[in-house]
Amino acid sequence: MTRSPPSCSTASPTPHAAAAGRIGDLLTDADYLAHAHPDTLLTALRTVRTSQGRQTRAVYRASAGRHRAAPVQDRRFLLAIDAARYRGTGLHRELCRSLVWAPGGPPEDRSARSWK
């Protein structure tokens, strides 16, 4: 019986990109940053060498402890706030494209979030 290799769609591209010296390509993708597994991405971020890569690393690390338990939309929101704090204008713009901004939001949403 021959086994097939694992599907690329289920494997994280982060370690492969880092090993190939191409992590910077992934760091320009705001959707990828919001969806990536935090621990895997944090490990790969150690290898960045460009100024943009270092800025993205700083943005991601700013709230890294919160990314692990946060759903993707909350992770995107946190990253957008941190990108603005670190003056990552392009990254901030990309992260905000799919955010739904509602002043205050429904009361149940505000009380349900516990970002300690």
PDB file of N, CA and C in Angstrom:
ATOM      1  N   MET A   1       0.848  -1.175   0.000  1.00  0.00           N
ATOM      2  CA  MET A   1       0.000   0.000   0.000  1.00  0.00           C
ATOM      3  C   MET A   1       0.896   1.242   0.000  1.00  0.00           C
ATOM      4  N   THR A   2       0.635   2.137  -0.911  1.00  0.00           N
ATOM      5  CA  THR A   2       1.411   3.367  -1.027  1.00  0.00           C
ATOM      6  C   THR A   2       0.681   4.493  -0.320  1.00  0.00           C
ATOM      7  N   ARG A   3       1.430   5.207   0.494  1.00  0.00           N
ATOM      8  CA  ARG A   3       0.835   6.350   1.188  1.00  0.00           C
ATOM      9  C   ARG A   3       1.057   7.612   0.379  1.00  0.00           C
ATOM     10  N   SER A   4       0.042   8.474   0.383  1.00  0.00           N
ATOM     11  CA  SER A   4       0.220   9.757  -0.279  1.00  0.00           C
ATOM     12  C   SER A   4       0.778  10.769   0.714  1.00  0.00           C
ATOM     13  N   PRO A   5       1.525  11.732   0.181  1.00  0.00           N
ATOM     14  CA  PRO A   5       2.068  12.757   1.064  1.00  0.00           C
ATOM     15  C   PRO A   5       0.949  13.614   1.635  1.00  0.00           C
ATOM     16  N   PRO A   6       1.196  14.266   2.763  1.00  0.00           N
ATOM     17  CA  PRO A   6       0.153  15.116   3.331  1.00  0.00           C
ATOM     18  C   PRO A   6      -0.225  16.231   2.368  1.00  0.00           C
ATOM     19  N   SER A   7      -1.470  16.601   2.419  1.00  0.00           N
ATOM     20  CA  SER A   7      -1.969  17.666   1.551  1.00  0.00           C
ATOM     21  C   SER A   7      -1.311  18.987   1.911  1.00  0.00           C
ATOM     22  N   CYS A   8      -0.885  19.724   0.901  1.00  0.00           N
ATOM     23  CA  CYS A   8      -0.279  21.030   1.137  1.00  0.00           C
ATOM     24  C   CYS A   8      -1.285  22.004   1.722  1.00  0.00           C
ATOM     25  N   SER A   9      -2.574  21.754   1.456  1.00  0.00           N
ATOM     26  CA  SER A   9      -3.576  22.686   1.971  1.00  0.00           C
ATOM     27  C   SER A   9      -3.724  22.589   3.483  1.00  0.00           C
ATOM     28  N   THR A  10      -3.293  21.468   4.082  1.00  0.00           N
ATOM     29  CA  THR A  10      -3.419  21.334   5.526  1.00  0.00           C
ATOM     30  C   THR A  10      -2.117  21.643   6.243  1.00  0.00           C
ATOM     31  N   ALA A  11      -1.033  21.746   5.516  1.00  0.00           N
ATOM     32  CA  ALA A  11       0.257  22.043   6.133  1.00  0.00           C
ATOM     33  C   ALA A  11       0.494  23.549   6.140  1.00  0.00           C
ATOM     34  N   SER A  12       1.121  24.022   7.193  1.00  0.00           N
ATOM     35  CA  SER A  12       1.422  25.446   7.277  1.00  0.00           C
ATOM     36  C   SER A  12       2.591  25.776   6.361  1.00  0.00           C
ATOM     37  N   PRO A  13       2.460  26.822   5.547  1.00  0.00           N
ATOM     38  CA  PRO A  13       3.567  27.206   4.666  1.00  0.00           C
ATOM     39  C   PRO A  13       4.669  27.959   5.407  1.00  0.00           C
ATOM     40  N   THR A  14       4.414  28.369   6.646  1.00  0.00           N
ATOM     41  CA  THR A  14       5.365  29.203   7.370  1.00  0.00           C
ATOM     42  C   THR A  14       6.750  28.582   7.509  1.00  0.00           C
ATOM     43  N   PRO A  15       6.889  27.358   8.037  1.00  0.00           N
ATOM     44  CA  PRO A  15       8.237  26.801   8.190  1.00  0.00           C
ATOM     45  C   PRO A  15       8.956  26.621   6.851  1.00  0.00           C
ATOM     46  N   HIS A  16       8.212  26.271   5.820  1.00  0.00           N
ATOM     47  CA  HIS A  16       8.804  26.065   4.503  1.00  0.00           C
ATOM     48  C   HIS A  16       9.316  27.387   3.934  1.00  0.00           C
ATOM     49  N   ALA A  17       8.521  28.438   4.098  1.00  0.00           N
ATOM     50  CA  ALA A  17       8.929  29.761   3.613  1.00  0.00           C
ATOM     51  C   ALA A  17      10.147  30.256   4.383  1.00  0.00           C
ATOM     52  N   ALA A  18      10.156  30.045   5.687  1.00  0.00           N
ATOM     53  CA  ALA A  18      11.302  30.478   6.500  1.00  0.00           C
ATOM     54  C   ALA A  18      12.560  29.719   6.097  1.00  0.00           C
ATOM     55  N   ALA A  19      12.436  28.418   5.901  1.00  0.00           N
ATOM     56  CA  ALA A  19      13.596  27.605   5.517  1.00  0.00           C
ATOM     57  C   ALA A  19      14.138  28.016   4.155  1.00  0.00           C
ATOM     58  N   ALA A  20      13.256  28.469   3.282  1.00  0.00           N
ATOM     59  CA  ALA A  20      13.666  28.883   1.942  1.00  0.00           C
ATOM     60  C   ALA A  20      14.082  30.348   1.890  1.00  0.00           C
ATOM     61  N   GLY A  21      14.026  31.019   3.045  1.00  0.00           N
ATOM     62  CA  GLY A  21      14.375  32.435   3.072  1.00  0.00           C
ATOM     63  C   GLY A  21      13.324  33.312   2.424  1.00  0.00           C
ATOM     64  N   ARG A  22      12.077  32.832   2.375  1.00  0.00           N
ATOM     65  CA  ARG A  22      10.995  33.554   1.685  1.00  0.00           C
ATOM     66  C   ARG A  22       9.889  33.985   2.650  1.00  0.00           C
ATOM     67  N   ILE A  23      10.162  34.041   3.939  1.00  0.00           N
ATOM     68  CA  ILE A  23       9.129  34.418   4.901  1.00  0.00           C
ATOM     69  C   ILE A  23       8.596  35.817   4.602  1.00  0.00           C
ATOM     70  N   GLY A  24       9.434  36.679   4.063  1.00  0.00           N
ATOM     71  CA  GLY A  24       9.005  38.039   3.730  1.00  0.00           C
ATOM     72  C   GLY A  24       7.836  38.063   2.770  1.00  0.00           C
ATOM     73  N   ASP A  25       7.765  37.069   1.875  1.00  0.00           N
ATOM     74  CA  ASP A  25       6.651  37.006   0.931  1.00  0.00           C
ATOM     75  C   ASP A  25       5.323  36.804   1.658  1.00  0.00           C
ATOM     76  N   LEU A  26       5.338  35.994   2.709  1.00  0.00           N
ATOM     77  CA  LEU A  26       4.110  35.751   3.468  1.00  0.00           C
ATOM     78  C   LEU A  26       3.736  36.943   4.335  1.00  0.00           C
ATOM     79  N   LEU A  27       4.737  37.668   4.800  1.00  0.00           N
ATOM     80  CA  LEU A  27       4.479  38.770   5.724  1.00  0.00           C
ATOM     81  C   LEU A  27       3.801  39.957   5.065  1.00  0.00           C
ATOM     82  N   THR A  28       3.766  39.992   3.756  1.00  0.00           N
ATOM     83  CA  THR A  28       3.073  41.078   3.060  1.00  0.00           C
ATOM     84  C   THR A  28       1.594  40.754   2.858  1.00  0.00           C
ATOM     85  N   ASP A  29       1.180  39.569   3.260  1.00  0.00           N
ATOM     86  CA  ASP A  29      -0.204  39.124   3.087  1.00  0.00           C
ATOM     87  C   ASP A  29      -0.950  39.252   4.419  1.00  0.00           C
ATOM     88  N   ALA A  30      -1.782  40.282   4.539  1.00  0.00           N
ATOM     89  CA  ALA A  30      -2.512  40.546   5.784  1.00  0.00           C
ATOM     90  C   ALA A  30      -3.437  39.384   6.150  1.00  0.00           C
ATOM     91  N   ASP A  31      -4.057  38.763   5.153  1.00  0.00           N
ATOM     92  CA  ASP A  31      -4.930  37.619   5.439  1.00  0.00           C
ATOM     93  C   ASP A  31      -4.135  36.477   6.046  1.00  0.00           C
ATOM     94  N   TYR A  32      -2.956  36.256   5.507  1.00  0.00           N
ATOM     95  CA  TYR A  32      -2.118  35.190   6.055  1.00  0.00           C
ATOM     96  C   TYR A  32      -1.763  35.473   7.512  1.00  0.00           C
ATOM     97  N   LEU A  33      -1.391  36.707   7.820  1.00  0.00           N
ATOM     98  CA  LEU A  33      -1.031  37.056   9.194  1.00  0.00           C
ATOM     99  C   LEU A  33      -2.193  36.819  10.150  1.00  0.00           C
ATOM    100  N   ALA A  34      -3.396  37.110   9.717  1.00  0.00           N
ATOM    101  CA  ALA A  34      -4.568  36.924  10.573  1.00  0.00           C
ATOM    102  C   ALA A  34      -4.909  35.453  10.767  1.00  0.00           C
ATOM    103  N   HIS A  35      -4.622  34.618   9.767  1.00  0.00           N
ATOM    104  CA  HIS A  35      -4.996  33.199   9.827  1.00  0.00           C
ATOM    105  C   HIS A  35      -3.887  32.268  10.296  1.00  0.00           C
ATOM    106  N   ALA A  36      -2.655  32.696  10.242  1.00  0.00           N
ATOM    107  CA  ALA A  36      -1.523  31.815  10.561  1.00  0.00           C
ATOM    108  C   ALA A  36      -1.558  31.354  12.010  1.00  0.00           C
ATOM    109  N   HIS A  37      -1.028  30.171  12.245  1.00  0.00           N
ATOM    110  CA  HIS A  37      -0.917  29.663  13.614  1.00  0.00           C
ATOM    111  C   HIS A  37       0.116  30.525  14.343  1.00  0.00           C
ATOM    112  N   PRO A  38      -0.265  31.172  15.440  1.00  0.00           N
ATOM    113  CA  PRO A  38       0.629  32.122  16.102  1.00  0.00           C
ATOM    114  C   PRO A  38       2.008  31.568  16.485  1.00  0.00           C
ATOM    115  N   ASP A  39       2.062  30.394  17.076  1.00  0.00           N
ATOM    116  CA  ASP A  39       3.361  29.872  17.510  1.00  0.00           C
ATOM    117  C   ASP A  39       4.282  29.580  16.335  1.00  0.00           C
ATOM    118  N   THR A  40       3.719  29.040  15.265  1.00  0.00           N
ATOM    119  CA  THR A  40       4.515  28.741  14.081  1.00  0.00           C
ATOM    120  C   THR A  40       5.027  30.035  13.445  1.00  0.00           C
ATOM    121  N   LEU A  41       4.150  31.040  13.358  1.00  0.00           N
ATOM    122  CA  LEU A  41       4.547  32.302  12.755  1.00  0.00           C
ATOM    123  C   LEU A  41       5.582  33.023  13.622  1.00  0.00           C
ATOM    124  N   LEU A  42       5.407  33.011  14.940  1.00  0.00           N
ATOM    125  CA  LEU A  42       6.378  33.663  15.823  1.00  0.00           C
ATOM    126  C   LEU A  42       7.766  33.060  15.676  1.00  0.00           C
ATOM    127  N   THR A  43       7.836  31.753  15.527  1.00  0.00           N
ATOM    128  CA  THR A  43       9.126  31.088  15.322  1.00  0.00           C
ATOM    129  C   THR A  43       9.755  31.549  14.011  1.00  0.00           C
ATOM    130  N   ALA A  44       8.955  31.595  12.962  1.00  0.00           N
ATOM    131  CA  ALA A  44       9.468  31.994  11.647  1.00  0.00           C
ATOM    132  C   ALA A  44       9.856  33.469  11.612  1.00  0.00           C
ATOM    133  N   LEU A  45       9.187  34.301  12.383  1.00  0.00           N
ATOM    134  CA  LEU A  45       9.486  35.734  12.387  1.00  0.00           C
ATOM    135  C   LEU A  45      10.897  36.039  12.873  1.00  0.00           C
ATOM    136  N   ARG A  46      11.499  35.095  13.558  1.00  0.00           N
ATOM    137  CA  ARG A  46      12.888  35.285  14.011  1.00  0.00           C
ATOM    138  C   ARG A  46      13.856  35.394  12.842  1.00  0.00           C
ATOM    139  N   THR A  47      13.447  34.922  11.673  1.00  0.00           N
ATOM    140  CA  THR A  47      14.361  34.862  10.532  1.00  0.00           C
ATOM    141  C   THR A  47      14.279  36.073   9.611  1.00  0.00           C
ATOM    142  N   VAL A  48      13.372  37.019   9.883  1.00  0.00           N
ATOM    143  CA  VAL A  48      13.223  38.155   8.963  1.00  0.00           C
ATOM    144  C   VAL A  48      14.465  39.031   8.964  1.00  0.00           C
ATOM    145  N   ARG A  49      14.780  39.605   7.807  1.00  0.00           N
ATOM    146  CA  ARG A  49      15.985  40.417   7.664  1.00  0.00           C
ATOM    147  C   ARG A  49      15.710  41.811   7.107  1.00  0.00           C
ATOM    148  N   THR A  50      14.533  42.021   6.513  1.00  0.00           N
ATOM    149  CA  THR A  50      14.235  43.313   5.893  1.00  0.00           C
ATOM    150  C   THR A  50      13.599  44.257   6.915  1.00  0.00           C
ATOM    151  N   SER A  51      13.603  45.539   6.605  1.00  0.00           N
ATOM    152  CA  SER A  51      12.988  46.510   7.516  1.00  0.00           C
ATOM    153  C   SER A  51      11.476  46.279   7.596  1.00  0.00           C
ATOM    154  N   GLN A  52      10.844  45.957   6.478  1.00  0.00           N
ATOM    155  CA  GLN A  52       9.413  45.665   6.498  1.00  0.00           C
ATOM    156  C   GLN A  52       9.147  44.414   7.333  1.00  0.00           C
ATOM    157  N   GLY A  53       9.986  43.415   7.185  1.00  0.00           N
ATOM    158  CA  GLY A  53       9.834  42.194   7.967  1.00  0.00           C
ATOM    159  C   GLY A  53       9.989  42.460   9.458  1.00  0.00           C
ATOM    160  N   ARG A  54      10.960  43.291   9.821  1.00  0.00           N
ATOM    161  CA  ARG A  54      11.160  43.627  11.234  1.00  0.00           C
ATOM    162  C   ARG A  54       9.965  44.399  11.786  1.00  0.00           C
ATOM    163  N   GLN A  55       9.386  45.280  10.962  1.00  0.00           N
ATOM    164  CA  GLN A  55       8.214  46.021  11.410  1.00  0.00           C
ATOM    165  C   GLN A  55       7.032  45.074  11.607  1.00  0.00           C
ATOM    166  N   THR A  56       6.817  44.170  10.673  1.00  0.00           N
ATOM    167  CA  THR A  56       5.731  43.200  10.799  1.00  0.00           C
ATOM    168  C   THR A  56       5.943  42.322  12.019  1.00  0.00           C
ATOM    169  N   ARG A  57       7.181  41.933  12.273  1.00  0.00           N
ATOM    170  CA  ARG A  57       7.495  41.136  13.463  1.00  0.00           C
ATOM    171  C   ARG A  57       7.113  41.912  14.723  1.00  0.00           C
ATOM    172  N   ALA A  58       7.464  43.185  14.791  1.00  0.00           N
ATOM    173  CA  ALA A  58       7.130  44.007  15.957  1.00  0.00           C
ATOM    174  C   ALA A  58       5.612  44.114  16.128  1.00  0.00           C
ATOM    175  N   VAL A  59       4.903  44.317  15.018  1.00  0.00           N
ATOM    176  CA  VAL A  59       3.445  44.413  15.061  1.00  0.00           C
ATOM    177  C   VAL A  59       2.857  43.111  15.586  1.00  0.00           C
ATOM    178  N   TYR A  60       3.308  41.982  15.060  1.00  0.00           N
ATOM    179  CA  TYR A  60       2.746  40.694  15.446  1.00  0.00           C
ATOM    180  C   TYR A  60       3.056  40.371  16.903  1.00  0.00           C
ATOM    181  N   ARG A  61       4.264  40.670  17.323  1.00  0.00           N
ATOM    182  CA  ARG A  61       4.663  40.361  18.703  1.00  0.00           C
ATOM    183  C   ARG A  61       3.948  41.232  19.737  1.00  0.00           C
ATOM    184  N   ALA A  62       3.507  42.419  19.335  1.00  0.00           N
ATOM    185  CA  ALA A  62       2.894  43.351  20.284  1.00  0.00           C
ATOM    186  C   ALA A  62       1.713  42.722  21.031  1.00  0.00           C
ATOM    187  N   SER A  63       0.935  41.909  20.359  1.00  0.00           N
ATOM    188  CA  SER A  63      -0.222  41.263  20.989  1.00  0.00           C
ATOM    189  C   SER A  63      -0.177  39.751  20.811  1.00  0.00           C
ATOM    190  N   ALA A  64       1.012  39.211  20.668  1.00  0.00           N
ATOM    191  CA  ALA A  64       1.158  37.778  20.366  1.00  0.00           C
ATOM    192  C   ALA A  64       0.458  36.879  21.369  1.00  0.00           C
ATOM    193  N   GLY A  65       0.513  37.222  22.627  1.00  0.00           N
ATOM    194  CA  GLY A  65      -0.134  36.393  23.645  1.00  0.00           C
ATOM    195  C   GLY A  65      -1.639  36.317  23.481  1.00  0.00           C
ATOM    196  N   ARG A  66      -2.210  37.305  22.869  1.00  0.00           N
ATOM    197  CA  ARG A  66      -3.662  37.336  22.661  1.00  0.00           C
ATOM    198  C   ARG A  66      -4.084  36.613  21.389  1.00  0.00           C
ATOM    199  N   HIS A  67      -3.161  36.456  20.442  1.00  0.00           N
ATOM    200  CA  HIS A  67      -3.506  35.826  19.166  1.00  0.00           C
ATOM    201  C   HIS A  67      -3.879  34.355  19.339  1.00  0.00           C
ATOM    202  N   ARG A  68      -3.246  33.681  20.290  1.00  0.00           N
ATOM    203  CA  ARG A  68      -3.462  32.235  20.430  1.00  0.00           C
ATOM    204  C   ARG A  68      -4.928  31.881  20.664  1.00  0.00           C
ATOM    205  N   ALA A  69      -5.603  32.637  21.517  1.00  0.00           N
ATOM    206  CA  ALA A  69      -6.982  32.301  21.870  1.00  0.00           C
ATOM    207  C   ALA A  69      -8.016  33.081  21.059  1.00  0.00           C
ATOM    208  N   ALA A  70      -7.570  34.036  20.264  1.00  0.00           N
ATOM    209  CA  ALA A  70      -8.515  34.909  19.556  1.00  0.00           C
ATOM    210  C   ALA A  70      -8.984  34.294  18.245  1.00  0.00           C
ATOM    211  N   PRO A  71     -10.264  34.471  17.933  1.00  0.00           N
ATOM    212  CA  PRO A  71     -10.737  34.085  16.607  1.00  0.00           C
ATOM    213  C   PRO A  71     -10.090  34.985  15.549  1.00  0.00           C
ATOM    214  N   VAL A  72     -10.125  34.558  14.321  1.00  0.00           N
ATOM    215  CA  VAL A  72      -9.439  35.259  13.235  1.00  0.00           C
ATOM    216  C   VAL A  72      -9.847  36.728  13.145  1.00  0.00           C
ATOM    217  N   GLN A  73     -11.128  37.029  13.241  1.00  0.00           N
ATOM    218  CA  GLN A  73     -11.568  38.420  13.101  1.00  0.00           C
ATOM    219  C   GLN A  73     -11.013  39.288  14.234  1.00  0.00           C
ATOM    220  N   ASP A  74     -10.963  38.761  15.437  1.00  0.00           N
ATOM    221  CA  ASP A  74     -10.386  39.504  16.561  1.00  0.00           C
ATOM    222  C   ASP A  74      -8.881  39.659  16.390  1.00  0.00           C
ATOM    223  N   ARG A  75      -8.244  38.621  15.859  1.00  0.00           N
ATOM    224  CA  ARG A  75      -6.803  38.679  15.600  1.00  0.00           C
ATOM    225  C   ARG A  75      -6.494  39.773  14.583  1.00  0.00           C
ATOM    226  N   ARG A  76      -7.324  39.839  13.551  1.00  0.00           N
ATOM    227  CA  ARG A  76      -7.167  40.866  12.519  1.00  0.00           C
ATOM    228  C   ARG A  76      -7.318  42.260  13.137  1.00  0.00           C
ATOM    229  N   PHE A  77      -8.289  42.417  14.020  1.00  0.00           N
ATOM    230  CA  PHE A  77      -8.520  43.694  14.688  1.00  0.00           C
ATOM    231  C   PHE A  77      -7.306  44.085  15.538  1.00  0.00           C
ATOM    232  N   LEU A  78      -6.801  43.135  16.318  1.00  0.00           N
ATOM    233  CA  LEU A  78      -5.616  43.399  17.138  1.00  0.00           C
ATOM    234  C   LEU A  78      -4.418  43.780  16.271  1.00  0.00           C
ATOM    235  N   LEU A  79      -4.226  43.061  15.192  1.00  0.00           N
ATOM    236  CA  LEU A  79      -3.110  43.359  14.291  1.00  0.00           C
ATOM    237  C   LEU A  79      -3.258  44.747  13.670  1.00  0.00           C
ATOM    238  N   ALA A  80      -4.492  45.118  13.321  1.00  0.00           N
ATOM    239  CA  ALA A  80      -4.719  46.450  12.738  1.00  0.00           C
ATOM    240  C   ALA A  80      -4.373  47.547  13.733  1.00  0.00           C
ATOM    241  N   ILE A  81      -4.772  47.363  14.976  1.00  0.00           N
ATOM    242  CA  ILE A  81      -4.447  48.350  16.014  1.00  0.00           C
ATOM    243  C   ILE A  81      -2.932  48.434  16.196  1.00  0.00           C
ATOM    244  N   ASP A  82      -2.285  47.280  16.287  1.00  0.00           N
ATOM    245  CA  ASP A  82      -0.829  47.270  16.484  1.00  0.00           C
ATOM    246  C   ASP A  82      -0.097  47.833  15.269  1.00  0.00           C
ATOM    247  N   ALA A  83      -0.606  47.562  14.071  1.00  0.00           N
ATOM    248  CA  ALA A  83       0.022  48.130  12.864  1.00  0.00           C
ATOM    249  C   ALA A  83      -0.054  49.650  12.897  1.00  0.00           C
ATOM    250  N   ALA A  84      -1.172  50.182  13.345  1.00  0.00           N
ATOM    251  CA  ALA A  84      -1.295  51.640  13.459  1.00  0.00           C
ATOM    252  C   ALA A  84      -0.322  52.174  14.513  1.00  0.00           C
ATOM    253  N   ARG A  85      -0.200  51.480  15.625  1.00  0.00           N
ATOM    254  CA  ARG A  85       0.720  51.905  16.696  1.00  0.00           C
ATOM    255  C   ARG A  85       2.164  51.928  16.218  1.00  0.00           C
ATOM    256  N   TYR A  86       2.534  50.978  15.363  1.00  0.00           N
ATOM    257  CA  TYR A  86       3.908  50.875  14.871  1.00  0.00           C
ATOM    258  C   TYR A  86       4.095  51.558  13.524  1.00  0.00           C
ATOM    259  N   ARG A  87       3.117  52.341  13.123  1.00  0.00           N
ATOM    260  CA  ARG A  87       3.158  53.112  11.876  1.00  0.00           C
ATOM    261  C   ARG A  87       3.344  52.248  10.628  1.00  0.00           C
ATOM    262  N   GLY A  88       2.733  51.097  10.664  1.00  0.00           N
ATOM    263  CA  GLY A  88       2.735  50.212   9.496  1.00  0.00           C
ATOM    264  C   GLY A  88       1.516  50.519   8.649  1.00  0.00           C
ATOM    265  N   THR A  89       1.547  51.649   7.970  1.00  0.00           N
ATOM    266  CA  THR A  89       0.388  52.164   7.248  1.00  0.00           C
ATOM    267  C   THR A  89      -0.165  51.175   6.228  1.00  0.00           C
ATOM    268  N   GLY A  90       0.702  50.596   5.415  1.00  0.00           N
ATOM    269  CA  GLY A  90       0.237  49.648   4.398  1.00  0.00           C
ATOM    270  C   GLY A  90      -0.397  48.414   5.023  1.00  0.00           C
ATOM    271  N   LEU A  91       0.246  47.857   6.040  1.00  0.00           N
ATOM    272  CA  LEU A  91      -0.294  46.681   6.720  1.00  0.00           C
ATOM    273  C   LEU A  91      -1.615  47.042   7.402  1.00  0.00           C
ATOM    274  N   HIS A  92      -1.665  48.196   8.037  1.00  0.00           N
ATOM    275  CA  HIS A  92      -2.897  48.635   8.688  1.00  0.00           C
ATOM    276  C   HIS A  92      -4.040  48.724   7.677  1.00  0.00           C
ATOM    277  N   ARG A  93      -3.760  49.322   6.542  1.00  0.00           N
ATOM    278  CA  ARG A  93      -4.780  49.463   5.489  1.00  0.00           C
ATOM    279  C   ARG A  93      -5.274  48.092   5.031  1.00  0.00           C
ATOM    280  N   GLU A  94      -4.361  47.176   4.794  1.00  0.00           N
ATOM    281  CA  GLU A  94      -4.753  45.835   4.330  1.00  0.00           C
ATOM    282  C   GLU A  94      -5.580  45.091   5.388  1.00  0.00           C
ATOM    283  N   LEU A  95      -5.174  45.203   6.638  1.00  0.00           N
ATOM    284  CA  LEU A  95      -5.905  44.523   7.708  1.00  0.00           C
ATOM    285  C   LEU A  95      -7.312  45.087   7.880  1.00  0.00           C
ATOM    286  N   CYS A  96      -7.468  46.377   7.653  1.00  0.00           N
ATOM    287  CA  CYS A  96      -8.770  47.031   7.851  1.00  0.00           C
ATOM    288  C   CYS A  96      -9.756  46.786   6.719  1.00  0.00           C
ATOM    289  N   ARG A  97      -9.277  46.337   5.576  1.00  0.00           N
ATOM    290  CA  ARG A  97     -10.163  46.166   4.414  1.00  0.00           C
ATOM    291  C   ARG A  97     -11.381  45.303   4.706  1.00  0.00           C
ATOM    292  N   SER A  98     -11.213  44.240   5.453  1.00  0.00           N
ATOM    293  CA  SER A  98     -12.351  43.343   5.677  1.00  0.00           C
ATOM    294  C   SER A  98     -12.928  43.443   7.086  1.00  0.00           C
ATOM    295  N   LEU A  99     -12.478  44.427   7.848  1.00  0.00           N
ATOM    296  CA  LEU A  99     -13.063  44.612   9.181  1.00  0.00           C
ATOM    297  C   LEU A  99     -14.387  45.350   9.064  1.00  0.00           C
ATOM    298  N   VAL A 100     -15.317  44.978   9.900  1.00  0.00           N
ATOM    299  CA  VAL A 100     -16.597  45.669   9.970  1.00  0.00           C
ATOM    300  C   VAL A 100     -16.513  46.571  11.190  1.00  0.00           C
ATOM    301  N   TRP A 101     -16.554  47.860  10.928  1.00  0.00           N
ATOM    302  CA  TRP A 101     -16.430  48.831  12.018  1.00  0.00           C
ATOM    303  C   TRP A 101     -17.816  49.301  12.432  1.00  0.00           C
ATOM    304  N   ALA A 102     -18.154  49.069  13.670  1.00  0.00           N
ATOM    305  CA  ALA A 102     -19.418  49.534  14.224  1.00  0.00           C
ATOM    306  C   ALA A 102     -19.111  50.170  15.571  1.00  0.00           C
ATOM    307  N   PRO A 103     -19.405  51.448  15.726  1.00  0.00           N
ATOM    308  CA  PRO A 103     -19.095  52.118  16.985  1.00  0.00           C
ATOM    309  C   PRO A 103     -19.691  51.379  18.177  1.00  0.00           C
ATOM    310  N   GLY A 104     -18.817  50.876  19.015  1.00  0.00           N
ATOM    311  CA  GLY A 104     -19.260  50.173  20.211  1.00  0.00           C
ATOM    312  C   GLY A 104     -19.725  48.761  19.968  1.00  0.00           C
ATOM    313  N   GLY A 105     -20.334  48.496  18.836  1.00  0.00           N
ATOM    314  CA  GLY A 105     -20.861  47.175  18.542  1.00  0.00           C
ATOM    315  C   GLY A 105     -21.995  46.817  19.494  1.00  0.00           C
ATOM    316  N   PRO A 106     -22.613  45.686  19.278  1.00  0.00           N
ATOM    317  CA  PRO A 106     -23.676  45.257  20.176  1.00  0.00           C
ATOM    318  C   PRO A 106     -23.126  45.044  21.588  1.00  0.00           C
ATOM    319  N   PRO A 107     -23.893  45.387  22.619  1.00  0.00           N
ATOM    320  CA  PRO A 107     -23.407  45.246  24.000  1.00  0.00           C
ATOM    321  C   PRO A 107     -22.915  43.845  24.327  1.00  0.00           C
ATOM    322  N   GLU A 108     -23.574  42.815  23.777  1.00  0.00           N
ATOM    323  CA  GLU A 108     -23.143  41.447  24.081  1.00  0.00           C
ATOM    324  C   GLU A 108     -21.752  41.163  23.520  1.00  0.00           C
ATOM    325  N   ASP A 109     -21.397  41.782  22.386  1.00  0.00           N
ATOM    326  CA  ASP A 109     -20.066  41.592  21.819  1.00  0.00           C
ATOM    327  C   ASP A 109     -18.992  42.212  22.698  1.00  0.00           C
ATOM    328  N   ARG A 110     -19.260  43.406  23.223  1.00  0.00           N
ATOM    329  CA  ARG A 110     -18.266  44.091  24.059  1.00  0.00           C
ATOM    330  C   ARG A 110     -18.010  43.323  25.338  1.00  0.00           C
ATOM    331  N   SER A 111     -19.043  42.766  25.954  1.00  0.00           N
ATOM    332  CA  SER A 111     -18.855  42.074  27.226  1.00  0.00           C
ATOM    333  C   SER A 111     -18.297  40.674  27.036  1.00  0.00           C
ATOM    334  N   ALA A 112     -18.473  40.093  25.853  1.00  0.00           N
ATOM    335  CA  ALA A 112     -18.015  38.732  25.610  1.00  0.00           C
ATOM    336  C   ALA A 112     -16.505  38.651  25.426  1.00  0.00           C
ATOM    337  N   ARG A 113     -15.887  39.741  24.998  1.00  0.00           N
ATOM    338  CA  ARG A 113     -14.446  39.726  24.757  1.00  0.00           C
ATOM    339  C   ARG A 113     -13.701  39.884  26.059  1.00  0.00           C
ATOM    340  N   SER A 114     -12.761  39.006  26.269  1.00  0.00           N
ATOM    341  CA  SER A 114     -11.924  39.147  27.461  1.00  0.00           C
ATOM    342  C   SER A 114     -10.473  39.069  27.027  1.00  0.00           C
ATOM    343  N   TRP A 115      -9.926  40.177  26.612  1.00  0.00           N
ATOM    344  CA  TRP A 115      -8.536  40.243  26.155  1.00  0.00           C
ATOM    345  C   TRP A 115      -7.681  40.714  27.311  1.00  0.00           C
ATOM    346  N   LYS A 116      -7.446  39.847  28.223  1.00  0.00           N
ATOM    347  CA  LYS A 116      -6.685  40.218  29.423  1.00  0.00           C
ATOM    348  C   LYS A 116      -5.222  40.307  29.133  1.00  0.00           C
TER     349      LYS A 116
END
